Amino acid sequence: GLINCVKILIPCVFPFLIASSLAGFGELPPPAKKIFEPLTQLFFR
């Protein structure tokens, strides 16, 4: 299990965890919000 973690799980998951957590600290710029807000509301509310 630990070998699978080192060879597969950590390389595939850990960088994305850092990126997702870092992205959660910021907001989209106002111009980007105006563009994507109608789309995210339309498809996912």
PDB file of all heavy atoms in Angstrom:
ATOM      1  N   GLY A   1       0.813  -1.213   0.000  1.00  0.00           N
ATOM      2  CA  GLY A   1       0.000   0.000   0.000  1.00  0.00           C
ATOM      3  C   GLY A   1       0.844   1.259   0.000  1.00  0.00           C
ATOM      4  O   GLY A   1       0.544   2.223  -0.723  1.00  0.00           O
ATOM      5  N   LEU A   2       1.916   1.264   0.781  1.00  0.00           N
ATOM      6  CA  LEU A   2       2.796   2.438   0.833  1.00  0.00           C
ATOM      7  C   LEU A   2       3.533   2.645  -0.483  1.00  0.00           C
ATOM      8  O   LEU A   2       3.740   3.789  -0.918  1.00  0.00           O
ATOM      9  CB  LEU A   2       3.793   2.284   1.985  1.00  0.00           C
ATOM     10  CG  LEU A   2       3.205   2.359   3.402  1.00  0.00           C
ATOM     11  CD1 LEU A   2       4.274   2.083   4.441  1.00  0.00           C
ATOM     12  CD2 LEU A   2       2.557   3.719   3.657  1.00  0.00           C
ATOM     13  N   ILE A   3       3.925   1.550  -1.122  1.00  0.00           N
ATOM     14  CA  ILE A   3       4.587   1.664  -2.426  1.00  0.00           C
ATOM     15  C   ILE A   3       3.633   2.269  -3.451  1.00  0.00           C
ATOM     16  O   ILE A   3       4.017   3.133  -4.255  1.00  0.00           O
ATOM     17  CB  ILE A   3       5.096   0.284  -2.890  1.00  0.00           C
ATOM     18  CG1 ILE A   3       6.269  -0.164  -2.011  1.00  0.00           C
ATOM     19  CG2 ILE A   3       5.541   0.340  -4.352  1.00  0.00           C
ATOM     20  CD1 ILE A   3       6.732  -1.574  -2.284  1.00  0.00           C
ATOM     21  N   ASN A   4       2.379   1.826  -3.434  1.00  0.00           N
ATOM     22  CA  ASN A   4       1.386   2.398  -4.347  1.00  0.00           C
ATOM     23  C   ASN A   4       1.165   3.880  -4.068  1.00  0.00           C
ATOM     24  O   ASN A   4       0.956   4.672  -4.995  1.00  0.00           O
ATOM     25  CB  ASN A   4       0.063   1.643  -4.232  1.00  0.00           C
ATOM     26  CG  ASN A   4       0.132   0.253  -4.823  1.00  0.00           C
ATOM     27  OD1 ASN A   4       0.903   0.005  -5.745  1.00  0.00           O
ATOM     28  ND2 ASN A   4      -0.657  -0.667  -4.276  1.00  0.00           N
ATOM     29  N   CYS A   5       1.207   4.246  -2.789  1.00  0.00           N
ATOM     30  CA  CYS A   5       1.057   5.662  -2.434  1.00  0.00           C
ATOM     31  C   CYS A   5       2.189   6.490  -3.008  1.00  0.00           C
ATOM     32  O   CYS A   5       1.974   7.571  -3.566  1.00  0.00           O
ATOM     33  CB  CYS A   5       0.999   5.820  -0.917  1.00  0.00           C
ATOM     34  SG  CYS A   5      -0.520   5.227  -0.149  1.00  0.00           S
ATOM     35  N   VAL A   6       3.418   5.982  -2.871  1.00  0.00           N
ATOM     36  CA  VAL A   6       4.595   6.731  -3.321  1.00  0.00           C
ATOM     37  C   VAL A   6       4.656   6.798  -4.840  1.00  0.00           C
ATOM     38  O   VAL A   6       4.968   7.851  -5.419  1.00  0.00           O
ATOM     39  CB  VAL A   6       5.879   6.092  -2.753  1.00  0.00           C
ATOM     40  CG1 VAL A   6       7.114   6.752  -3.345  1.00  0.00           C
ATOM     41  CG2 VAL A   6       5.904   6.219  -1.234  1.00  0.00           C
ATOM     42  N   LYS A   7       4.338   5.692  -5.503  1.00  0.00           N
ATOM     43  CA  LYS A   7       4.487   5.635  -6.953  1.00  0.00           C
ATOM     44  C   LYS A   7       3.295   6.194  -7.715  1.00  0.00           C
ATOM     45  O   LYS A   7       3.467   6.715  -8.826  1.00  0.00           O
ATOM     46  CB  LYS A   7       4.729   4.183  -7.390  1.00  0.00           C
ATOM     47  CG  LYS A   7       6.085   3.639  -6.994  1.00  0.00           C
ATOM     48  CD  LYS A   7       6.296   2.250  -7.585  1.00  0.00           C
ATOM     49  CE  LYS A   7       7.694   1.729  -7.289  1.00  0.00           C
ATOM     50  NZ  LYS A   7       7.917   0.388  -7.879  1.00  0.00           N
ATOM     51  N   ILE A   8       2.087   6.077  -7.146  1.00  0.00           N
ATOM     52  CA  ILE A   8       0.890   6.439  -7.902  1.00  0.00           C
ATOM     53  C   ILE A   8       0.101   7.552  -7.228  1.00  0.00           C
ATOM     54  O   ILE A   8      -0.146   8.603  -7.820  1.00  0.00           O
ATOM     55  CB  ILE A   8      -0.021   5.207  -8.090  1.00  0.00           C
ATOM     56  CG1 ILE A   8       0.723   4.115  -8.877  1.00  0.00           C
ATOM     57  CG2 ILE A   8      -1.311   5.593  -8.800  1.00  0.00           C
ATOM     58  CD1 ILE A   8      -0.055   2.828  -9.014  1.00  0.00           C
ATOM     59  N   LEU A   9      -0.301   7.320  -5.978  1.00  0.00           N
ATOM     60  CA  LEU A   9      -1.261   8.217  -5.331  1.00  0.00           C
ATOM     61  C   LEU A   9      -0.701   9.610  -5.095  1.00  0.00           C
ATOM     62  O   LEU A   9      -1.327  10.615  -5.462  1.00  0.00           O
ATOM     63  CB  LEU A   9      -1.728   7.591  -4.016  1.00  0.00           C
ATOM     64  CG  LEU A   9      -2.980   8.200  -3.382  1.00  0.00           C
ATOM     65  CD1 LEU A   9      -4.149   8.087  -4.336  1.00  0.00           C
ATOM     66  CD2 LEU A   9      -3.301   7.503  -2.071  1.00  0.00           C
ATOM     67  N   ILE A  10       0.461   9.703  -4.485  1.00  0.00           N
ATOM     68  CA  ILE A  10       1.034  11.019  -4.158  1.00  0.00           C
ATOM     69  C   ILE A  10       1.350  11.828  -5.418  1.00  0.00           C
ATOM     70  O   ILE A  10       0.981  13.008  -5.505  1.00  0.00           O
ATOM     71  CB  ILE A  10       2.273  10.863  -3.265  1.00  0.00           C
ATOM     72  CG1 ILE A  10       1.866  10.277  -1.906  1.00  0.00           C
ATOM     73  CG2 ILE A  10       2.985  12.200  -3.068  1.00  0.00           C
ATOM     74  CD1 ILE A  10       3.023  10.018  -0.971  1.00  0.00           C
ATOM     75  N   PRO A  11       2.021  11.263  -6.427  1.00  0.00           N
ATOM     76  CA  PRO A  11       2.288  12.068  -7.635  1.00  0.00           C
ATOM     77  C   PRO A  11       1.018  12.511  -8.357  1.00  0.00           C
ATOM     78  O   PRO A  11       0.993  13.587  -8.964  1.00  0.00           O
ATOM     79  CB  PRO A  11       3.113  11.114  -8.510  1.00  0.00           C
ATOM     80  CG  PRO A  11       3.704  10.131  -7.574  1.00  0.00           C
ATOM     81  CD  PRO A  11       2.680   9.941  -6.496  1.00  0.00           C
ATOM     82  N   CYS A  12      -0.032  11.681  -8.318  1.00  0.00           N
ATOM     83  CA  CYS A  12      -1.249  12.001  -9.060  1.00  0.00           C
ATOM     84  C   CYS A  12      -2.172  12.950  -8.310  1.00  0.00           C
ATOM     85  O   CYS A  12      -2.960  13.662  -8.931  1.00  0.00           O
ATOM     86  CB  CYS A  12      -2.021  10.717  -9.391  1.00  0.00           C
ATOM     87  SG  CYS A  12      -1.194   9.631 -10.563  1.00  0.00           S
ATOM     88  N   VAL A  13      -2.101  12.973  -6.978  1.00  0.00           N
ATOM     89  CA  VAL A  13      -3.086  13.698  -6.176  1.00  0.00           C
ATOM     90  C   VAL A  13      -2.487  14.907  -5.463  1.00  0.00           C
ATOM     91  O   VAL A  13      -3.099  15.988  -5.444  1.00  0.00           O
ATOM     92  CB  VAL A  13      -3.740  12.751  -5.150  1.00  0.00           C
ATOM     93  CG1 VAL A  13      -4.680  13.516  -4.229  1.00  0.00           C
ATOM     94  CG2 VAL A  13      -4.483  11.629  -5.863  1.00  0.00           C
ATOM     95  N   PHE A  14      -1.306  14.763  -4.876  1.00  0.00           N
ATOM     96  CA  PHE A  14      -0.763  15.798  -3.990  1.00  0.00           C
ATOM     97  C   PHE A  14      -0.606  17.163  -4.660  1.00  0.00           C
ATOM     98  O   PHE A  14      -1.019  18.180  -4.084  1.00  0.00           O
ATOM     99  CB  PHE A  14       0.577  15.329  -3.420  1.00  0.00           C
ATOM    100  CG  PHE A  14       1.151  16.258  -2.391  1.00  0.00           C
ATOM    101  CD1 PHE A  14       0.405  16.621  -1.270  1.00  0.00           C
ATOM    102  CD2 PHE A  14       2.422  16.772  -2.521  1.00  0.00           C
ATOM    103  CE1 PHE A  14       0.929  17.476  -0.302  1.00  0.00           C
ATOM    104  CE2 PHE A  14       2.952  17.625  -1.577  1.00  0.00           C
ATOM    105  CZ  PHE A  14       2.206  17.971  -0.467  1.00  0.00           C
ATOM    106  N   PRO A  15      -0.048  17.264  -5.879  1.00  0.00           N
ATOM    107  CA  PRO A  15       0.066  18.597  -6.495  1.00  0.00           C
ATOM    108  C   PRO A  15      -1.289  19.260  -6.715  1.00  0.00           C
ATOM    109  O   PRO A  15      -1.415  20.481  -6.557  1.00  0.00           O
ATOM    110  CB  PRO A  15       0.767  18.303  -7.831  1.00  0.00           C
ATOM    111  CG  PRO A  15       1.445  16.995  -7.638  1.00  0.00           C
ATOM    112  CD  PRO A  15       0.561  16.213  -6.725  1.00  0.00           C
ATOM    113  N   PHE A  16      -2.297  18.463  -7.083  1.00  0.00           N
ATOM    114  CA  PHE A  16      -3.625  19.029  -7.302  1.00  0.00           C
ATOM    115  C   PHE A  16      -4.269  19.473  -5.993  1.00  0.00           C
ATOM    116  O   PHE A  16      -5.057  20.422  -5.966  1.00  0.00           O
ATOM    117  CB  PHE A  16      -4.517  18.009  -8.008  1.00  0.00           C
ATOM    118  CG  PHE A  16      -4.154  17.785  -9.442  1.00  0.00           C
ATOM    119  CD1 PHE A  16      -3.385  16.700  -9.814  1.00  0.00           C
ATOM    120  CD2 PHE A  16      -4.573  18.665 -10.422  1.00  0.00           C
ATOM    121  CE1 PHE A  16      -3.038  16.495 -11.134  1.00  0.00           C
ATOM    122  CE2 PHE A  16      -4.236  18.469 -11.747  1.00  0.00           C
ATOM    123  CZ  PHE A  16      -3.460  17.371 -12.107  1.00  0.00           C
ATOM    124  N   LEU A  17      -3.963  18.799  -4.898  1.00  0.00           N
ATOM    125  CA  LEU A  17      -4.473  19.222  -3.598  1.00  0.00           C
ATOM    126  C   LEU A  17      -3.947  20.607  -3.240  1.00  0.00           C
ATOM    127  O   LEU A  17      -4.690  21.464  -2.752  1.00  0.00           O
ATOM    128  CB  LEU A  17      -4.072  18.213  -2.515  1.00  0.00           C
ATOM    129  CG  LEU A  17      -4.906  16.941  -2.387  1.00  0.00           C
ATOM    130  CD1 LEU A  17      -4.342  16.056  -1.271  1.00  0.00           C
ATOM    131  CD2 LEU A  17      -6.351  17.262  -2.106  1.00  0.00           C
ATOM    132  N   ILE A  18      -2.657  20.818  -3.463  1.00  0.00           N
ATOM    133  CA  ILE A  18      -2.062  22.125  -3.175  1.00  0.00           C
ATOM    134  C   ILE A  18      -2.694  23.199  -4.063  1.00  0.00           C
ATOM    135  O   ILE A  18      -3.042  24.289  -3.599  1.00  0.00           O
ATOM    136  CB  ILE A  18      -0.541  22.079  -3.380  1.00  0.00           C
ATOM    137  CG1 ILE A  18       0.097  21.090  -2.399  1.00  0.00           C
ATOM    138  CG2 ILE A  18       0.071  23.473  -3.185  1.00  0.00           C
ATOM    139  CD1 ILE A  18       1.588  20.907  -2.599  1.00  0.00           C
ATOM    140  N   ALA A  19      -2.839  22.881  -5.349  1.00  0.00           N
ATOM    141  CA  ALA A  19      -3.423  23.856  -6.285  1.00  0.00           C
ATOM    142  C   ALA A  19      -4.856  24.196  -5.911  1.00  0.00           C
ATOM    143  O   ALA A  19      -5.258  25.371  -5.952  1.00  0.00           O
ATOM    144  CB  ALA A  19      -3.357  23.300  -7.710  1.00  0.00           C
ATOM    145  N   SER A  20      -5.640  23.195  -5.529  1.00  0.00           N
ATOM    146  CA  SER A  20      -7.042  23.440  -5.188  1.00  0.00           C
ATOM    147  C   SER A  20      -7.168  24.243  -3.908  1.00  0.00           C
ATOM    148  O   SER A  20      -8.017  25.136  -3.799  1.00  0.00           O
ATOM    149  CB  SER A  20      -7.785  22.115  -5.046  1.00  0.00           C
ATOM    150  OG  SER A  20      -7.197  21.314  -4.048  1.00  0.00           O
ATOM    151  N   SER A  21      -6.327  23.941  -2.925  1.00  0.00           N
ATOM    152  CA  SER A  21      -6.371  24.696  -1.678  1.00  0.00           C
ATOM    153  C   SER A  21      -5.928  26.138  -1.910  1.00  0.00           C
ATOM    154  O   SER A  21      -6.528  27.077  -1.371  1.00  0.00           O
ATOM    155  CB  SER A  21      -5.472  24.031  -0.635  1.00  0.00           C
ATOM    156  OG  SER A  21      -5.487  24.753   0.582  1.00  0.00           O
ATOM    157  N   LEU A  22      -4.901  26.328  -2.718  1.00  0.00           N
ATOM    158  CA  LEU A  22      -4.414  27.677  -3.004  1.00  0.00           C
ATOM    159  C   LEU A  22      -5.459  28.475  -3.771  1.00  0.00           C
ATOM    160  O   LEU A  22      -5.660  29.672  -3.510  1.00  0.00           O
ATOM    161  CB  LEU A  22      -3.115  27.586  -3.821  1.00  0.00           C
ATOM    162  CG  LEU A  22      -2.328  28.887  -4.043  1.00  0.00           C
ATOM    163  CD1 LEU A  22      -1.888  29.481  -2.715  1.00  0.00           C
ATOM    164  CD2 LEU A  22      -1.112  28.618  -4.919  1.00  0.00           C
ATOM    165  N   ALA A  23      -6.161  27.832  -4.699  1.00  0.00           N
ATOM    166  CA  ALA A  23      -7.193  28.527  -5.470  1.00  0.00           C
ATOM    167  C   ALA A  23      -8.360  28.958  -4.595  1.00  0.00           C
ATOM    168  O   ALA A  23      -9.031  29.951  -4.881  1.00  0.00           O
ATOM    169  CB  ALA A  23      -7.701  27.625  -6.602  1.00  0.00           C
ATOM    170  N   GLY A  24      -8.600  28.222  -3.513  1.00  0.00           N
ATOM    171  CA  GLY A  24      -9.705  28.562  -2.634  1.00  0.00           C
ATOM    172  C   GLY A  24      -9.491  29.828  -1.827  1.00  0.00           C
ATOM    173  O   GLY A  24     -10.442  30.366  -1.234  1.00  0.00           O
ATOM    174  N   PHE A  25      -8.253  30.336  -1.798  1.00  0.00           N
ATOM    175  CA  PHE A  25      -7.968  31.558  -1.051  1.00  0.00           C
ATOM    176  C   PHE A  25      -8.288  32.817  -1.848  1.00  0.00           C
ATOM    177  O   PHE A  25      -8.301  33.913  -1.290  1.00  0.00           O
ATOM    178  CB  PHE A  25      -6.494  31.594  -0.630  1.00  0.00           C
ATOM    179  CG  PHE A  25      -6.198  30.775   0.592  1.00  0.00           C
ATOM    180  CD1 PHE A  25      -5.710  29.489   0.469  1.00  0.00           C
ATOM    181  CD2 PHE A  25      -6.419  31.289   1.859  1.00  0.00           C
ATOM    182  CE1 PHE A  25      -5.434  28.729   1.585  1.00  0.00           C
ATOM    183  CE2 PHE A  25      -6.149  30.533   2.988  1.00  0.00           C
ATOM    184  CZ  PHE A  25      -5.656  29.244   2.848  1.00  0.00           C
ATOM    185  N   GLY A  26      -8.514  32.671  -3.139  1.00  0.00           N
ATOM    186  CA  GLY A  26      -8.745  33.855  -3.957  1.00  0.00           C
ATOM    187  C   GLY A  26     -10.093  33.821  -4.640  1.00  0.00           C
ATOM    188  O   GLY A  26     -10.796  32.813  -4.648  1.00  0.00           O
ATOM    189  N   GLU A  27     -10.449  34.958  -5.199  1.00  0.00           N
ATOM    190  CA  GLU A  27     -11.690  35.099  -5.957  1.00  0.00           C
ATOM    191  C   GLU A  27     -11.362  35.462  -7.399  1.00  0.00           C
ATOM    192  O   GLU A  27     -10.284  35.974  -7.701  1.00  0.00           O
ATOM    193  CB  GLU A  27     -12.575  36.180  -5.344  1.00  0.00           C
ATOM    194  CG  GLU A  27     -13.014  35.920  -3.924  1.00  0.00           C
ATOM    195  CD  GLU A  27     -13.907  37.028  -3.408  1.00  0.00           C
ATOM    196  OE1 GLU A  27     -15.044  37.149  -3.911  1.00  0.00           O
ATOM    197  OE2 GLU A  27     -13.480  37.781  -2.518  1.00  0.00           O
ATOM    198  N   LEU A  28     -12.313  35.201  -8.259  1.00  0.00           N
ATOM    199  CA  LEU A  28     -12.137  35.597  -9.654  1.00  0.00           C
ATOM    200  C   LEU A  28     -12.174  37.109  -9.775  1.00  0.00           C
ATOM    201  O   LEU A  28     -12.901  37.784  -9.045  1.00  0.00           O
ATOM    202  CB  LEU A  28     -13.248  34.984 -10.508  1.00  0.00           C
ATOM    203  CG  LEU A  28     -13.214  33.473 -10.742  1.00  0.00           C
ATOM    204  CD1 LEU A  28     -14.439  33.056 -11.548  1.00  0.00           C
ATOM    205  CD2 LEU A  28     -11.944  33.059 -11.456  1.00  0.00           C
ATOM    206  N   PRO A  29     -11.402  37.677 -10.690  1.00  0.00           N
ATOM    207  CA  PRO A  29     -11.481  39.132 -10.933  1.00  0.00           C
ATOM    208  C   PRO A  29     -12.883  39.509 -11.397  1.00  0.00           C
ATOM    209  O   PRO A  29     -13.580  38.706 -12.017  1.00  0.00           O
ATOM    210  CB  PRO A  29     -10.437  39.352 -12.034  1.00  0.00           C
ATOM    211  CG  PRO A  29      -9.539  38.165 -11.977  1.00  0.00           C
ATOM    212  CD  PRO A  29     -10.385  37.022 -11.524  1.00  0.00           C
ATOM    213  N   PRO A  30     -13.328  40.738 -11.096  1.00  0.00           N
ATOM    214  CA  PRO A  30     -14.681  41.171 -11.497  1.00  0.00           C
ATOM    215  C   PRO A  30     -14.993  40.961 -12.973  1.00  0.00           C
ATOM    216  O   PRO A  30     -16.103  40.515 -13.298  1.00  0.00           O
ATOM    217  CB  PRO A  30     -14.688  42.654 -11.104  1.00  0.00           C
ATOM    218  CG  PRO A  30     -13.717  42.742  -9.972  1.00  0.00           C
ATOM    219  CD  PRO A  30     -12.637  41.754 -10.275  1.00  0.00           C
ATOM    220  N   PRO A  31     -14.064  41.265 -13.914  1.00  0.00           N
ATOM    221  CA  PRO A  31     -14.407  41.018 -15.327  1.00  0.00           C
ATOM    222  C   PRO A  31     -14.674  39.536 -15.614  1.00  0.00           C
ATOM    223  O   PRO A  31     -15.580  39.201 -16.393  1.00  0.00           O
ATOM    224  CB  PRO A  31     -13.169  41.520 -16.084  1.00  0.00           C
ATOM    225  CG  PRO A  31     -12.526  42.499 -15.165  1.00  0.00           C
ATOM    226  CD  PRO A  31     -12.765  41.949 -13.792  1.00  0.00           C
ATOM    227  N   ALA A  32     -13.881  38.660 -14.973  1.00  0.00           N
ATOM    228  CA  ALA A  32     -14.080  37.225 -15.180  1.00  0.00           C
ATOM    229  C   ALA A  32     -15.405  36.768 -14.571  1.00  0.00           C
ATOM    230  O   ALA A  32     -16.083  35.894 -15.121  1.00  0.00           O
ATOM    231  CB  ALA A  32     -12.916  36.447 -14.577  1.00  0.00           C
ATOM    232  N   LYS A  33     -15.771  37.362 -13.439  1.00  0.00           N
ATOM    233  CA  LYS A  33     -17.049  37.014 -12.815  1.00  0.00           C
ATOM    234  C   LYS A  33     -18.222  37.354 -13.728  1.00  0.00           C
ATOM    235  O   LYS A  33     -19.185  36.586 -13.839  1.00  0.00           O
ATOM    236  CB  LYS A  33     -17.205  37.745 -11.480  1.00  0.00           C
ATOM    237  CG  LYS A  33     -16.445  37.126 -10.319  1.00  0.00           C
ATOM    238  CD  LYS A  33     -16.807  37.813  -9.026  1.00  0.00           C
ATOM    239  CE  LYS A  33     -16.078  37.187  -7.852  1.00  0.00           C
ATOM    240  NZ  LYS A  33     -16.455  37.814  -6.565  1.00  0.00           N
ATOM    241  N   LYS A  34     -18.142  38.514 -14.384  1.00  0.00           N
ATOM    242  CA  LYS A  34     -19.229  38.919 -15.270  1.00  0.00           C
ATOM    243  C   LYS A  34     -19.380  37.954 -16.437  1.00  0.00           C
ATOM    244  O   LYS A  34     -20.479  37.739 -16.939  1.00  0.00           O
ATOM    245  CB  LYS A  34     -18.961  40.337 -15.788  1.00  0.00           C
ATOM    246  CG  LYS A  34     -19.063  41.416 -14.725  1.00  0.00           C
ATOM    247  CD  LYS A  34     -18.824  42.792 -15.321  1.00  0.00           C
ATOM    248  CE  LYS A  34     -18.933  43.872 -14.251  1.00  0.00           C
ATOM    249  NZ  LYS A  34     -18.704  45.235 -14.817  1.00  0.00           N
ATOM    250  N   ILE A  35     -18.254  37.362 -16.857  1.00  0.00           N
ATOM    251  CA  ILE A  35     -18.302  36.435 -17.988  1.00  0.00           C
ATOM    252  C   ILE A  35     -18.822  35.065 -17.561  1.00  0.00           C
ATOM    253  O   ILE A  35     -19.677  34.472 -18.230  1.00  0.00           O
ATOM    254  CB  ILE A  35     -16.896  36.302 -18.617  1.00  0.00           C
ATOM    255  CG1 ILE A  35     -16.442  37.651 -19.189  1.00  0.00           C
ATOM    256  CG2 ILE A  35     -16.896  35.232 -19.700  1.00  0.00           C
ATOM    257  CD1 ILE A  35     -15.017  37.647 -19.707  1.00  0.00           C
ATOM    258  N   PHE A  36     -18.306  34.558 -16.439  1.00  0.00           N
ATOM    259  CA  PHE A  36     -18.598  33.168 -16.055  1.00  0.00           C
ATOM    260  C   PHE A  36     -19.806  33.020 -15.142  1.00  0.00           C
ATOM    261  O   PHE A  36     -20.348  31.918 -15.026  1.00  0.00           O
ATOM    262  CB  PHE A  36     -17.370  32.551 -15.377  1.00  0.00           C
ATOM    263  CG  PHE A  36     -16.201  32.377 -16.296  1.00  0.00           C
ATOM    264  CD1 PHE A  36     -15.056  33.158 -16.135  1.00  0.00           C
ATOM    265  CD2 PHE A  36     -16.244  31.441 -17.313  1.00  0.00           C
ATOM    266  CE1 PHE A  36     -13.973  32.996 -16.982  1.00  0.00           C
ATOM    267  CE2 PHE A  36     -15.165  31.280 -18.166  1.00  0.00           C
ATOM    268  CZ  PHE A  36     -14.031  32.057 -18.000  1.00  0.00           C
ATOM    269  N   GLU A  37     -20.218  34.098 -14.483  1.00  0.00           N
ATOM    270  CA  GLU A  37     -21.353  33.998 -13.556  1.00  0.00           C
ATOM    271  C   GLU A  37     -22.623  33.496 -14.254  1.00  0.00           C
ATOM    272  O   GLU A  37     -23.289  32.584 -13.729  1.00  0.00           O
ATOM    273  CB  GLU A  37     -21.611  35.352 -12.891  1.00  0.00           C
ATOM    274  CG  GLU A  37     -22.693  35.321 -11.821  1.00  0.00           C
ATOM    275  CD  GLU A  37     -22.221  34.692 -10.529  1.00  0.00           C
ATOM    276  OE1 GLU A  37     -21.002  34.677 -10.289  1.00  0.00           O
ATOM    277  OE2 GLU A  37     -23.080  34.211  -9.747  1.00  0.00           O
ATOM    278  N   PRO A  38     -22.998  34.038 -15.429  1.00  0.00           N
ATOM    279  CA  PRO A  38     -24.203  33.508 -16.085  1.00  0.00           C
ATOM    280  C   PRO A  38     -24.083  32.028 -16.446  1.00  0.00           C
ATOM    281  O   PRO A  38     -25.066  31.280 -16.376  1.00  0.00           O
ATOM    282  CB  PRO A  38     -24.322  34.383 -17.341  1.00  0.00           C
ATOM    283  CG  PRO A  38     -23.565  35.628 -17.022  1.00  0.00           C
ATOM    284  CD  PRO A  38     -22.433  35.187 -16.155  1.00  0.00           C
ATOM    285  N   LEU A  39     -22.864  31.593 -16.805  1.00  0.00           N
ATOM    286  CA  LEU A  39     -22.673  30.195 -17.196  1.00  0.00           C
ATOM    287  C   LEU A  39     -22.782  29.256 -16.002  1.00  0.00           C
ATOM    288  O   LEU A  39     -23.459  28.221 -16.066  1.00  0.00           O
ATOM    289  CB  LEU A  39     -21.310  30.026 -17.883  1.00  0.00           C
ATOM    290  CG  LEU A  39     -21.109  30.791 -19.193  1.00  0.00           C
ATOM    291  CD1 LEU A  39     -19.697  30.608 -19.721  1.00  0.00           C
ATOM    292  CD2 LEU A  39     -22.116  30.312 -20.236  1.00  0.00           C
ATOM    293  N   THR A  40     -22.106  29.604 -14.892  1.00  0.00           N
ATOM    294  CA  THR A  40     -22.158  28.739 -13.711  1.00  0.00           C
ATOM    295  C   THR A  40     -23.547  28.729 -13.091  1.00  0.00           C
ATOM    296  O   THR A  40     -23.983  27.704 -12.557  1.00  0.00           O
ATOM    297  CB  THR A  40     -21.121  29.190 -12.669  1.00  0.00           C
ATOM    298  OG1 THR A  40     -21.333  30.584 -12.339  1.00  0.00           O
ATOM    299  CG2 THR A  40     -19.710  29.016 -13.183  1.00  0.00           C
ATOM    300  N   GLN A  41     -24.251  29.846 -13.182  1.00  0.00           N
ATOM    301  CA  GLN A  41     -25.619  29.880 -12.673  1.00  0.00           C
ATOM    302  C   GLN A  41     -26.551  29.067 -13.566  1.00  0.00           C
ATOM    303  O   GLN A  41     -27.465  28.391 -13.091  1.00  0.00           O
ATOM    304  CB  GLN A  41     -26.117  31.331 -12.571  1.00  0.00           C
ATOM    305  CG  GLN A  41     -25.467  32.146 -11.472  1.00  0.00           C
ATOM    306  CD  GLN A  41     -25.890  31.685 -10.081  1.00  0.00           C
ATOM    307  OE1 GLN A  41     -26.857  30.947  -9.908  1.00  0.00           O
ATOM    308  NE2 GLN A  41     -25.154  32.126  -9.075  1.00  0.00           N
ATOM    309  N   LEU A  42     -26.313  29.139 -14.870  1.00  0.00           N
ATOM    310  CA  LEU A  42     -27.167  28.421 -15.815  1.00  0.00           C
ATOM    311  C   LEU A  42     -27.007  26.915 -15.694  1.00  0.00           C
ATOM    312  O   LEU A  42     -28.006  26.177 -15.657  1.00  0.00           O
ATOM    313  CB  LEU A  42     -26.836  28.869 -17.244  1.00  0.00           C
ATOM    314  CG  LEU A  42     -27.561  28.117 -18.380  1.00  0.00           C
ATOM    315  CD1 LEU A  42     -29.061  28.355 -18.289  1.00  0.00           C
ATOM    316  CD2 LEU A  42     -27.007  28.553 -19.727  1.00  0.00           C
ATOM    317  N   PHE A  43     -25.770  26.459 -15.611  1.00  0.00           N
ATOM    318  CA  PHE A  43     -25.524  25.018 -15.630  1.00  0.00           C
ATOM    319  C   PHE A  43     -25.546  24.386 -14.233  1.00  0.00           C
ATOM    320  O   PHE A  43     -25.964  23.233 -14.086  1.00  0.00           O
ATOM    321  CB  PHE A  43     -24.173  24.731 -16.296  1.00  0.00           C
ATOM    322  CG  PHE A  43     -24.175  24.935 -17.777  1.00  0.00           C
ATOM    323  CD1 PHE A  43     -23.611  26.076 -18.324  1.00  0.00           C
ATOM    324  CD2 PHE A  43     -24.756  24.012 -18.630  1.00  0.00           C
ATOM    325  CE1 PHE A  43     -23.610  26.278 -19.690  1.00  0.00           C
ATOM    326  CE2 PHE A  43     -24.761  24.211 -20.002  1.00  0.00           C
ATOM    327  CZ  PHE A  43     -24.193  25.339 -20.532  1.00  0.00           C
ATOM    328  N   PHE A  44     -25.083  25.112 -13.210  1.00  0.00           N
ATOM    329  CA  PHE A  44     -24.961  24.497 -11.881  1.00  0.00           C
ATOM    330  C   PHE A  44     -25.676  25.272 -10.776  1.00  0.00           C
ATOM    331  O   PHE A  44     -25.752  24.793  -9.649  1.00  0.00           O
ATOM    332  CB  PHE A  44     -23.471  24.358 -11.515  1.00  0.00           C
ATOM    333  CG  PHE A  44     -22.651  23.663 -12.552  1.00  0.00           C
ATOM    334  CD1 PHE A  44     -21.679  24.343 -13.263  1.00  0.00           C
ATOM    335  CD2 PHE A  44     -22.854  22.321 -12.835  1.00  0.00           C
ATOM    336  CE1 PHE A  44     -20.909  23.714 -14.227  1.00  0.00           C
ATOM    337  CE2 PHE A  44     -22.091  21.670 -13.799  1.00  0.00           C
ATOM    338  CZ  PHE A  44     -21.122  22.374 -14.497  1.00  0.00           C
ATOM    339  N   ARG A  45     -26.153  26.488 -11.092  1.00  0.00           N
ATOM    340  CA  ARG A  45     -26.736  27.377 -10.089  1.00  0.00           C
ATOM    341  C   ARG A  45     -25.749  27.588  -8.935  1.00  0.00           C
ATOM    342  O   ARG A  45     -26.076  27.467  -7.754  1.00  0.00           O
ATOM    343  CB  ARG A  45     -28.073  26.841  -9.574  1.00  0.00           C
ATOM    344  CG  ARG A  45     -28.868  27.885  -8.775  1.00  0.00           C
ATOM    345  CD  ARG A  45     -30.322  27.476  -8.592  1.00  0.00           C
ATOM    346  NE  ARG A  45     -31.092  27.637  -9.836  1.00  0.00           N
ATOM    347  CZ  ARG A  45     -32.387  27.344  -9.951  1.00  0.00           C
ATOM    348  NH1 ARG A  45     -33.043  26.872  -8.919  1.00  0.00           N
ATOM    349  NH2 ARG A  45     -33.007  27.534 -11.099  1.00  0.00           N
TER     350      ARG A  45
END
